[in-house]
Amino acid sequence: ILAVNMGEGDGRIKAFLEKTPVDFPVLLDRDSAVAKSWKVRVLPTTMVLDPDNGIRYFAVGELDWSAPEIEKRLRALSVAR
């Protein structure tokens, strides 16, 4: 998992991470270059990539990661390789 914070200042993301700690890296996309290169226009956007950086799953908007249909889809992606 890699989170990308788009265009926010260091102070704001630091405060967020203090309230909501995560155990994965957070890339600070200060100038939105990453978002532009991946054509992300709506937040949150989720992409699941294969080892060759091909997009295997793409979702725009919030996801309930504990929902059975999301878990089923992600498990299917991990088995499909």
PDB file of N, CA and C in Angstrom:
ATOM      1  N   ILE A   1       0.851  -1.177   0.000  1.00  0.00           N
ATOM      2  CA  ILE A   1       0.000   0.000   0.000  1.00  0.00           C
ATOM      3  C   ILE A   1       0.890   1.231   0.000  1.00  0.00           C
ATOM      4  N   LEU A   2       0.532   2.167  -0.842  1.00  0.00           N
ATOM      5  CA  LEU A   2       1.177   3.475  -0.886  1.00  0.00           C
ATOM      6  C   LEU A   2       0.069   4.511  -0.947  1.00  0.00           C
ATOM      7  N   ALA A   3       0.055   5.421  -0.015  1.00  0.00           N
ATOM      8  CA  ALA A   3      -0.902   6.521  -0.046  1.00  0.00           C
ATOM      9  C   ALA A   3      -0.226   7.715  -0.705  1.00  0.00           C
ATOM     10  N   VAL A   4      -1.002   8.477  -1.452  1.00  0.00           N
ATOM     11  CA  VAL A   4      -0.486   9.684  -2.084  1.00  0.00           C
ATOM     12  C   VAL A   4      -1.331  10.853  -1.600  1.00  0.00           C
ATOM     13  N   ASN A   5      -0.672  11.796  -0.938  1.00  0.00           N
ATOM     14  CA  ASN A   5      -1.345  13.007  -0.497  1.00  0.00           C
ATOM     15  C   ASN A   5      -1.114  14.062  -1.550  1.00  0.00           C
ATOM     16  N   MET A   6      -2.201  14.593  -2.094  1.00  0.00           N
ATOM     17  CA  MET A   6      -2.086  15.488  -3.235  1.00  0.00           C
ATOM     18  C   MET A   6      -2.246  16.954  -2.840  1.00  0.00           C
ATOM     19  N   GLY A   7      -1.170  17.715  -2.988  1.00  0.00           N
ATOM     20  CA  GLY A   7      -1.221  19.160  -2.918  1.00  0.00           C
ATOM     21  C   GLY A   7      -1.462  19.785  -1.553  1.00  0.00           C
ATOM     22  N   GLU A   8      -1.338  19.035  -0.473  1.00  0.00           N
ATOM     23  CA  GLU A   8      -1.531  19.634   0.848  1.00  0.00           C
ATOM     24  C   GLU A   8      -0.184  19.929   1.480  1.00  0.00           C
ATOM     25  N   GLY A   9      -0.183  20.864   2.397  1.00  0.00           N
ATOM     26  CA  GLY A   9       1.043  21.245   3.084  1.00  0.00           C
ATOM     27  C   GLY A   9       1.486  20.215   4.100  1.00  0.00           C
ATOM     28  N   ASP A  10       2.765  20.288   4.448  1.00  0.00           N
ATOM     29  CA  ASP A  10       3.343  19.339   5.402  1.00  0.00           C
ATOM     30  C   ASP A  10       2.603  19.331   6.732  1.00  0.00           C
ATOM     31  N   GLY A  11       2.225  20.521   7.228  1.00  0.00           N
ATOM     32  CA  GLY A  11       1.559  20.615   8.525  1.00  0.00           C
ATOM     33  C   GLY A  11       0.225  19.893   8.539  1.00  0.00           C
ATOM     34  N   ARG A  12      -0.524  20.033   7.478  1.00  0.00           N
ATOM     35  CA  ARG A  12      -1.841  19.398   7.420  1.00  0.00           C
ATOM     36  C   ARG A  12      -1.740  17.868   7.372  1.00  0.00           C
ATOM     37  N   ILE A  13      -0.831  17.347   6.549  1.00  0.00           N
ATOM     38  CA  ILE A  13      -0.689  15.888   6.471  1.00  0.00           C
ATOM     39  C   ILE A  13      -0.089  15.339   7.763  1.00  0.00           C
ATOM     40  N   LYS A  14       0.818  16.087   8.375  1.00  0.00           N
ATOM     41  CA  LYS A  14       1.399  15.638   9.645  1.00  0.00           C
ATOM     42  C   LYS A  14       0.315  15.539  10.715  1.00  0.00           C
ATOM     43  N   ALA A  15      -0.563  16.532  10.791  1.00  0.00           N
ATOM     44  CA  ALA A  15      -1.657  16.503  11.771  1.00  0.00           C
ATOM     45  C   ALA A  15      -2.591  15.329  11.494  1.00  0.00           C
ATOM     46  N   PHE A  16      -2.902  15.085  10.221  1.00  0.00           N
ATOM     47  CA  PHE A  16      -3.762  13.953   9.868  1.00  0.00           C
ATOM     48  C   PHE A  16      -3.133  12.637  10.309  1.00  0.00           C
ATOM     49  N   LEU A  17      -1.836  12.460  10.026  1.00  0.00           N
ATOM     50  CA  LEU A  17      -1.169  11.203  10.357  1.00  0.00           C
ATOM     51  C   LEU A  17      -1.000  11.011  11.862  1.00  0.00           C
ATOM     52  N   GLU A  18      -0.958  12.108  12.616  1.00  0.00           N
ATOM     53  CA  GLU A  18      -0.925  11.976  14.069  1.00  0.00           C
ATOM     54  C   GLU A  18      -2.259  11.466  14.590  1.00  0.00           C
ATOM     55  N   LYS A  19      -3.359  11.896  13.971  1.00  0.00           N
ATOM     56  CA  LYS A  19      -4.696  11.448  14.375  1.00  0.00           C
ATOM     57  C   LYS A  19      -5.023  10.070  13.815  1.00  0.00           C
ATOM     58  N   THR A  20      -4.519   9.803  12.625  1.00  0.00           N
ATOM     59  CA  THR A  20      -4.823   8.547  11.933  1.00  0.00           C
ATOM     60  C   THR A  20      -3.512   7.914  11.469  1.00  0.00           C
ATOM     61  N   PRO A  21      -2.790   7.274  12.389  1.00  0.00           N
ATOM     62  CA  PRO A  21      -1.510   6.685  11.987  1.00  0.00           C
ATOM     63  C   PRO A  21      -1.716   5.522  11.011  1.00  0.00           C
ATOM     64  N   VAL A  22      -0.807   5.397  10.065  1.00  0.00           N
ATOM     65  CA  VAL A  22      -0.849   4.303   9.097  1.00  0.00           C
ATOM     66  C   VAL A  22       0.500   3.592   9.108  1.00  0.00           C
ATOM     67  N   ASP A  23       0.494   2.341   8.687  1.00  0.00           N
ATOM     68  CA  ASP A  23       1.743   1.582   8.676  1.00  0.00           C
ATOM     69  C   ASP A  23       2.235   1.329   7.252  1.00  0.00           C
ATOM     70  N   PHE A  24       2.004   2.317   6.389  1.00  0.00           N
ATOM     71  CA  PHE A  24       2.490   2.267   5.023  1.00  0.00           C
ATOM     72  C   PHE A  24       2.969   3.668   4.638  1.00  0.00           C
ATOM     73  N   PRO A  25       3.802   3.756   3.587  1.00  0.00           N
ATOM     74  CA  PRO A  25       4.347   5.061   3.213  1.00  0.00           C
ATOM     75  C   PRO A  25       3.291   6.006   2.644  1.00  0.00           C
ATOM     76  N   VAL A  26       3.524   7.296   2.868  1.00  0.00           N
ATOM     77  CA  VAL A  26       2.659   8.345   2.325  1.00  0.00           C
ATOM     78  C   VAL A  26       3.531   9.267   1.477  1.00  0.00           C
ATOM     79  N   LEU A  27       3.267   9.269   0.190  1.00  0.00           N
ATOM     80  CA  LEU A  27       3.989  10.134  -0.740  1.00  0.00           C
ATOM     81  C   LEU A  27       3.342  11.507  -0.723  1.00  0.00           C
ATOM     82  N   LEU A  28       4.145  12.557  -0.567  1.00  0.00           N
ATOM     83  CA  LEU A  28       3.630  13.921  -0.593  1.00  0.00           C
ATOM     84  C   LEU A  28       3.762  14.457  -2.013  1.00  0.00           C
ATOM     85  N   ASP A  29       2.642  14.515  -2.709  1.00  0.00           N
ATOM     86  CA  ASP A  29       2.596  14.982  -4.092  1.00  0.00           C
ATOM     87  C   ASP A  29       2.297  16.479  -4.083  1.00  0.00           C
ATOM     88  N   ARG A  30       3.277  17.257  -3.664  1.00  0.00           N
ATOM     89  CA  ARG A  30       3.094  18.696  -3.429  1.00  0.00           C
ATOM     90  C   ARG A  30       2.647  19.466  -4.666  1.00  0.00           C
ATOM     91  N   ASP A  31       3.141  19.098  -5.824  1.00  0.00           N
ATOM     92  CA  ASP A  31       2.796  19.843  -7.035  1.00  0.00           C
ATOM     93  C   ASP A  31       1.798  19.093  -7.925  1.00  0.00           C
ATOM     94  N   SER A  32       1.219  18.030  -7.400  1.00  0.00           N
ATOM     95  CA  SER A  32       0.220  17.204  -8.103  1.00  0.00           C
ATOM     96  C   SER A  32       0.768  16.502  -9.339  1.00  0.00           C
ATOM     97  N   ALA A  33       2.075  16.354  -9.440  1.00  0.00           N
ATOM     98  CA  ALA A  33       2.683  15.692 -10.596  1.00  0.00           C
ATOM     99  C   ALA A  33       2.280  14.221 -10.684  1.00  0.00           C
ATOM    100  N   VAL A  34       2.223  13.555  -9.543  1.00  0.00           N
ATOM    101  CA  VAL A  34       1.836  12.141  -9.533  1.00  0.00           C
ATOM    102  C   VAL A  34       0.383  12.005  -9.977  1.00  0.00           C
ATOM    103  N   ALA A  35      -0.485  12.830  -9.411  1.00  0.00           N
ATOM    104  CA  ALA A  35      -1.906  12.782  -9.781  1.00  0.00           C
ATOM    105  C   ALA A  35      -2.080  13.046 -11.274  1.00  0.00           C
ATOM    106  N   LYS A  36      -1.350  13.999 -11.799  1.00  0.00           N
ATOM    107  CA  LYS A  36      -1.457  14.306 -13.225  1.00  0.00           C
ATOM    108  C   LYS A  36      -0.980  13.139 -14.081  1.00  0.00           C
ATOM    109  N   SER A  37       0.130  12.536 -13.698  1.00  0.00           N
ATOM    110  CA  SER A  37       0.679  11.448 -14.516  1.00  0.00           C
ATOM    111  C   SER A  37      -0.223  10.212 -14.501  1.00  0.00           C
ATOM    112  N   TRP A  38      -0.963   9.997 -13.406  1.00  0.00           N
ATOM    113  CA  TRP A  38      -1.888   8.861 -13.315  1.00  0.00           C
ATOM    114  C   TRP A  38      -3.315   9.272 -13.671  1.00  0.00           C
ATOM    115  N   LYS A  39      -3.496  10.536 -14.073  1.00  0.00           N
ATOM    116  CA  LYS A  39      -4.802  11.067 -14.485  1.00  0.00           C
ATOM    117  C   LYS A  39      -5.868  10.948 -13.390  1.00  0.00           C
ATOM    118  N   VAL A  40      -5.461  11.252 -12.172  1.00  0.00           N
ATOM    119  CA  VAL A  40      -6.386  11.253 -11.034  1.00  0.00           C
ATOM    120  C   VAL A  40      -6.991  12.639 -10.927  1.00  0.00           C
ATOM    121  N   ARG A  41      -8.328  12.692 -10.949  1.00  0.00           N
ATOM    122  CA  ARG A  41      -9.026  13.973 -10.880  1.00  0.00           C
ATOM    123  C   ARG A  41      -9.976  14.053  -9.695  1.00  0.00           C
ATOM    124  N   VAL A  42     -10.312  12.903  -9.105  1.00  0.00           N
ATOM    125  CA  VAL A  42     -11.250  12.836  -7.984  1.00  0.00           C
ATOM    126  C   VAL A  42     -10.569  12.113  -6.831  1.00  0.00           C
ATOM    127  N   LEU A  43     -10.777  12.606  -5.623  1.00  0.00           N
ATOM    128  CA  LEU A  43     -10.215  11.966  -4.437  1.00  0.00           C
ATOM    129  C   LEU A  43     -11.341  11.454  -3.546  1.00  0.00           C
ATOM    130  N   PRO A  44     -11.179  10.325  -2.929  1.00  0.00           N
ATOM    131  CA  PRO A  44     -10.067   9.400  -3.119  1.00  0.00           C
ATOM    132  C   PRO A  44     -10.217   8.577  -4.401  1.00  0.00           C
ATOM    133  N   THR A  45      -9.094   8.183  -4.932  1.00  0.00           N
ATOM    134  CA  THR A  45      -9.034   7.246  -6.051  1.00  0.00           C
ATOM    135  C   THR A  45      -8.152   6.086  -5.611  1.00  0.00           C
ATOM    136  N   THR A  46      -8.592   4.890  -5.887  1.00  0.00           N
ATOM    137  CA  THR A  46      -7.852   3.693  -5.509  1.00  0.00           C
ATOM    138  C   THR A  46      -7.457   2.929  -6.757  1.00  0.00           C
ATOM    139  N   MET A  47      -6.196   2.517  -6.801  1.00  0.00           N
ATOM    140  CA  MET A  47      -5.708   1.677  -7.886  1.00  0.00           C
ATOM    141  C   MET A  47      -4.956   0.507  -7.281  1.00  0.00           C
ATOM    142  N   VAL A  48      -5.255  -0.666  -7.773  1.00  0.00           N
ATOM    143  CA  VAL A  48      -4.485  -1.855  -7.412  1.00  0.00           C
ATOM    144  C   VAL A  48      -3.666  -2.194  -8.646  1.00  0.00           C
ATOM    145  N   LEU A  49      -2.349  -2.244  -8.450  1.00  0.00           N
ATOM    146  CA  LEU A  49      -1.429  -2.467  -9.562  1.00  0.00           C
ATOM    147  C   LEU A  49      -0.847  -3.870  -9.518  1.00  0.00           C
ATOM    148  N   ASP A  50      -0.508  -4.391 -10.690  1.00  0.00           N
ATOM    149  CA  ASP A  50       0.207  -5.659 -10.750  1.00  0.00           C
ATOM    150  C   ASP A  50       1.709  -5.358 -10.687  1.00  0.00           C
ATOM    151  N   PRO A  51       2.552  -6.378 -10.655  1.00  0.00           N
ATOM    152  CA  PRO A  51       4.000  -6.133 -10.547  1.00  0.00           C
ATOM    153  C   PRO A  51       4.591  -5.305 -11.688  1.00  0.00           C
ATOM    154  N   ASP A  52       3.887  -5.247 -12.821  1.00  0.00           N
ATOM    155  CA  ASP A  52       4.372  -4.450 -13.952  1.00  0.00           C
ATOM    156  C   ASP A  52       3.744  -3.059 -13.998  1.00  0.00           C
ATOM    157  N   ASN A  53       3.109  -2.650 -12.881  1.00  0.00           N
ATOM    158  CA  ASN A  53       2.430  -1.357 -12.744  1.00  0.00           C
ATOM    159  C   ASN A  53       1.192  -1.219 -13.630  1.00  0.00           C
ATOM    160  N   GLY A  54       0.648  -2.327 -14.075  1.00  0.00           N
ATOM    161  CA  GLY A  54      -0.616  -2.292 -14.795  1.00  0.00           C
ATOM    162  C   GLY A  54      -1.759  -2.177 -13.801  1.00  0.00           C
ATOM    163  N   ILE A  55      -2.775  -1.424 -14.144  1.00  0.00           N
ATOM    164  CA  ILE A  55      -3.907  -1.238 -13.230  1.00  0.00           C
ATOM    165  C   ILE A  55      -4.816  -2.463 -13.317  1.00  0.00           C
ATOM    166  N   ARG A  56      -4.985  -3.142 -12.179  1.00  0.00           N
ATOM    167  CA  ARG A  56      -5.843  -4.323 -12.106  1.00  0.00           C
ATOM    168  C   ARG A  56      -7.216  -3.995 -11.534  1.00  0.00           C
ATOM    169  N   TYR A  57      -7.283  -2.940 -10.725  1.00  0.00           N
ATOM    170  CA  TYR A  57      -8.549  -2.524 -10.120  1.00  0.00           C
ATOM    171  C   TYR A  57      -8.499  -1.015  -9.964  1.00  0.00           C
ATOM    172  N   PHE A  58      -9.616  -0.357 -10.252  1.00  0.00           N
ATOM    173  CA  PHE A  58      -9.675   1.105 -10.218  1.00  0.00           C
ATOM    174  C   PHE A  58     -11.012   1.502  -9.611  1.00  0.00           C
ATOM    175  N   ALA A  59     -10.982   2.362  -8.604  1.00  0.00           N
ATOM    176  CA  ALA A  59     -12.223   2.823  -7.971  1.00  0.00           C
ATOM    177  C   ALA A  59     -12.095   4.300  -7.641  1.00  0.00           C
ATOM    178  N   VAL A  60     -13.161   5.042  -7.908  1.00  0.00           N
ATOM    179  CA  VAL A  60     -13.215   6.458  -7.577  1.00  0.00           C
ATOM    180  C   VAL A  60     -14.211   6.625  -6.443  1.00  0.00           C
ATOM    181  N   GLY A  61     -13.811   7.342  -5.402  1.00  0.00           N
ATOM    182  CA  GLY A  61     -14.671   7.550  -4.243  1.00  0.00           C
ATOM    183  C   GLY A  61     -14.270   6.651  -3.091  1.00  0.00           C
ATOM    184  N   GLU A  62     -14.949   6.834  -1.991  1.00  0.00           N
ATOM    185  CA  GLU A  62     -14.631   6.055  -0.793  1.00  0.00           C
ATOM    186  C   GLU A  62     -15.033   4.601  -0.965  1.00  0.00           C
ATOM    187  N   LEU A  63     -14.250   3.723  -0.351  1.00  0.00           N
ATOM    188  CA  LEU A  63     -14.536   2.293  -0.348  1.00  0.00           C
ATOM    189  C   LEU A  63     -14.673   1.812   1.077  1.00  0.00           C
ATOM    190  N   ASP A  64     -15.559   0.880   1.287  1.00  0.00           N
ATOM    191  CA  ASP A  64     -15.640   0.187   2.573  1.00  0.00           C
ATOM    192  C   ASP A  64     -14.769  -1.054   2.433  1.00  0.00           C
ATOM    193  N   TRP A  65     -13.526  -0.937   2.897  1.00  0.00           N
ATOM    194  CA  TRP A  65     -12.552  -2.012   2.720  1.00  0.00           C
ATOM    195  C   TRP A  65     -12.953  -3.293   3.427  1.00  0.00           C
ATOM    196  N   SER A  66     -13.901  -3.211   4.369  1.00  0.00           N
ATOM    197  CA  SER A  66     -14.349  -4.420   5.063  1.00  0.00           C
ATOM    198  C   SER A  66     -15.568  -5.049   4.390  1.00  0.00           C
ATOM    199  N   ALA A  67     -16.078  -4.434   3.327  1.00  0.00           N
ATOM    200  CA  ALA A  67     -17.247  -4.972   2.619  1.00  0.00           C
ATOM    201  C   ALA A  67     -16.881  -6.291   1.932  1.00  0.00           C
ATOM    202  N   PRO A  68     -17.748  -7.277   2.037  1.00  0.00           N
ATOM    203  CA  PRO A  68     -17.454  -8.587   1.439  1.00  0.00           C
ATOM    204  C   PRO A  68     -17.148  -8.523  -0.063  1.00  0.00           C
ATOM    205  N   GLU A  69     -17.839  -7.662  -0.812  1.00  0.00           N
ATOM    206  CA  GLU A  69     -17.596  -7.608  -2.252  1.00  0.00           C
ATOM    207  C   GLU A  69     -16.210  -7.045  -2.587  1.00  0.00           C
ATOM    208  N   ILE A  70     -15.735  -6.105  -1.778  1.00  0.00           N
ATOM    209  CA  ILE A  70     -14.378  -5.559  -1.988  1.00  0.00           C
ATOM    210  C   ILE A  70     -13.341  -6.622  -1.655  1.00  0.00           C
ATOM    211  N   GLU A  71     -13.517  -7.280  -0.529  1.00  0.00           N
ATOM    212  CA  GLU A  71     -12.586  -8.341  -0.143  1.00  0.00           C
ATOM    213  C   GLU A  71     -12.552  -9.448  -1.195  1.00  0.00           C
ATOM    214  N   LYS A  72     -13.710  -9.831  -1.695  1.00  0.00           N
ATOM    215  CA  LYS A  72     -13.790 -10.880  -2.711  1.00  0.00           C
ATOM    216  C   LYS A  72     -13.044 -10.464  -3.979  1.00  0.00           C
ATOM    217  N   ARG A  73     -13.236  -9.221  -4.392  1.00  0.00           N
ATOM    218  CA  ARG A  73     -12.564  -8.741  -5.598  1.00  0.00           C
ATOM    219  C   ARG A  73     -11.044  -8.716  -5.427  1.00  0.00           C
ATOM    220  N   LEU A  74     -10.575  -8.238  -4.266  1.00  0.00           N
ATOM    221  CA  LEU A  74      -9.129  -8.183  -4.032  1.00  0.00           C
ATOM    222  C   LEU A  74      -8.527  -9.578  -3.940  1.00  0.00           C
ATOM    223  N   ARG A  75      -9.233 -10.494  -3.297  1.00  0.00           N
ATOM    224  CA  ARG A  75      -8.736 -11.876  -3.230  1.00  0.00           C
ATOM    225  C   ARG A  75      -8.652 -12.489  -4.630  1.00  0.00           C
ATOM    226  N   ALA A  76      -9.639 -12.224  -5.462  1.00  0.00           N
ATOM    227  CA  ALA A  76      -9.628 -12.741  -6.828  1.00  0.00           C
ATOM    228  C   ALA A  76      -8.428 -12.194  -7.606  1.00  0.00           C
ATOM    229  N   LEU A  77      -8.098 -10.944  -7.376  1.00  0.00           N
ATOM    230  CA  LEU A  77      -6.926 -10.357  -8.056  1.00  0.00           C
ATOM    231  C   LEU A  77      -5.641 -11.030  -7.618  1.00  0.00           C
ATOM    232  N   SER A  78      -5.535 -11.352  -6.337  1.00  0.00           N
ATOM    233  CA  SER A  78      -4.291 -11.965  -5.838  1.00  0.00           C
ATOM    234  C   SER A  78      -4.145 -13.396  -6.341  1.00  0.00           C
ATOM    235  N   VAL A  79      -5.243 -14.080  -6.582  1.00  0.00           N
ATOM    236  CA  VAL A  79      -5.192 -15.459  -7.080  1.00  0.00           C
ATOM    237  C   VAL A  79      -4.975 -15.480  -8.583  1.00  0.00           C
ATOM    238  N   ALA A  80      -5.440 -14.480  -9.288  1.00  0.00           N
ATOM    239  CA  ALA A  80      -5.383 -14.444 -10.752  1.00  0.00           C
ATOM    240  C   ALA A  80      -3.963 -14.383 -11.293  1.00  0.00           C
ATOM    241  N   ARG A  81      -3.012 -13.996 -10.515  1.00  0.00           N
ATOM    242  CA  ARG A  81      -1.626 -13.881 -10.993  1.00  0.00           C
ATOM    243  C   ARG A  81      -1.087 -15.225 -11.210  1.00  0.00           C
TER     244      ARG A  81
END
